[in-house]
Amino acid sequence: MTETPVTPPARAEMIELAAITGAHGVAGEVRLKLFGEGVEALSQHKSFTAGKDGRVLTLKKIRSDNKGGAVARFAEVAGRNEAEKLRGTVLMVPREALPDLAEGEFYHADLLGLEAFTDAGDRVGTVVAVENFGATDVIEIVREPPPEKGTKTFMVPLIDAAVIEWDTSRLVIAADFAES
């Protein structure tokens, strides 16, 4: 049996910065879950590609909701009903619209799809999400192959002791953090 060569994932052309979680009020404002550095970083963009259909939303105003998210108003959204229809829509910008990264910085999108290995060389799965629940970023890895019993994913904190290295094709974690 021959193994299929692994092709590294392409860098994402579009970077997800936020998702619309619902309407806010009756005038067409929306609540946003932020994936980036906060309201200030999001306000640097004048327009966003919305969802997979490629619709463009033009930002009129944005403010913090004081809960880690934001409230935004888009020129193309006239009222609450239109705002509600956007629930679940992801807001994206082209990678080239983002600032250059400093040494040691990365975009979460660059980790998604990477194959995960332990420092012992065992393949454990694929990175499917990067979350932050307050303390540090956490990588979610889907187990491959999936176990018959137990959890199909596990999480690893993005700290030096747990995530040893990564590049454009793979991520290496300490074996102690690969739950069995």
Foldseek 3Di string as FASTA:
>chain_A
DDDDDDDFDDQDQKAFFWAFAAADDWFFKTKIQGDDDDDVQVVVDQWWQKAPVRDIWGWDDKDPPVPRIIITHTPVGGTRVSRRVRRGITTIDGPVVHDDDDPPDDGQSLQFQAFEAEPVGHTFATFHGWDPPDDAIKTKGAGVPADPDDDRIDIFGPDCQFWVDDDRHHTYGHPVRRDD
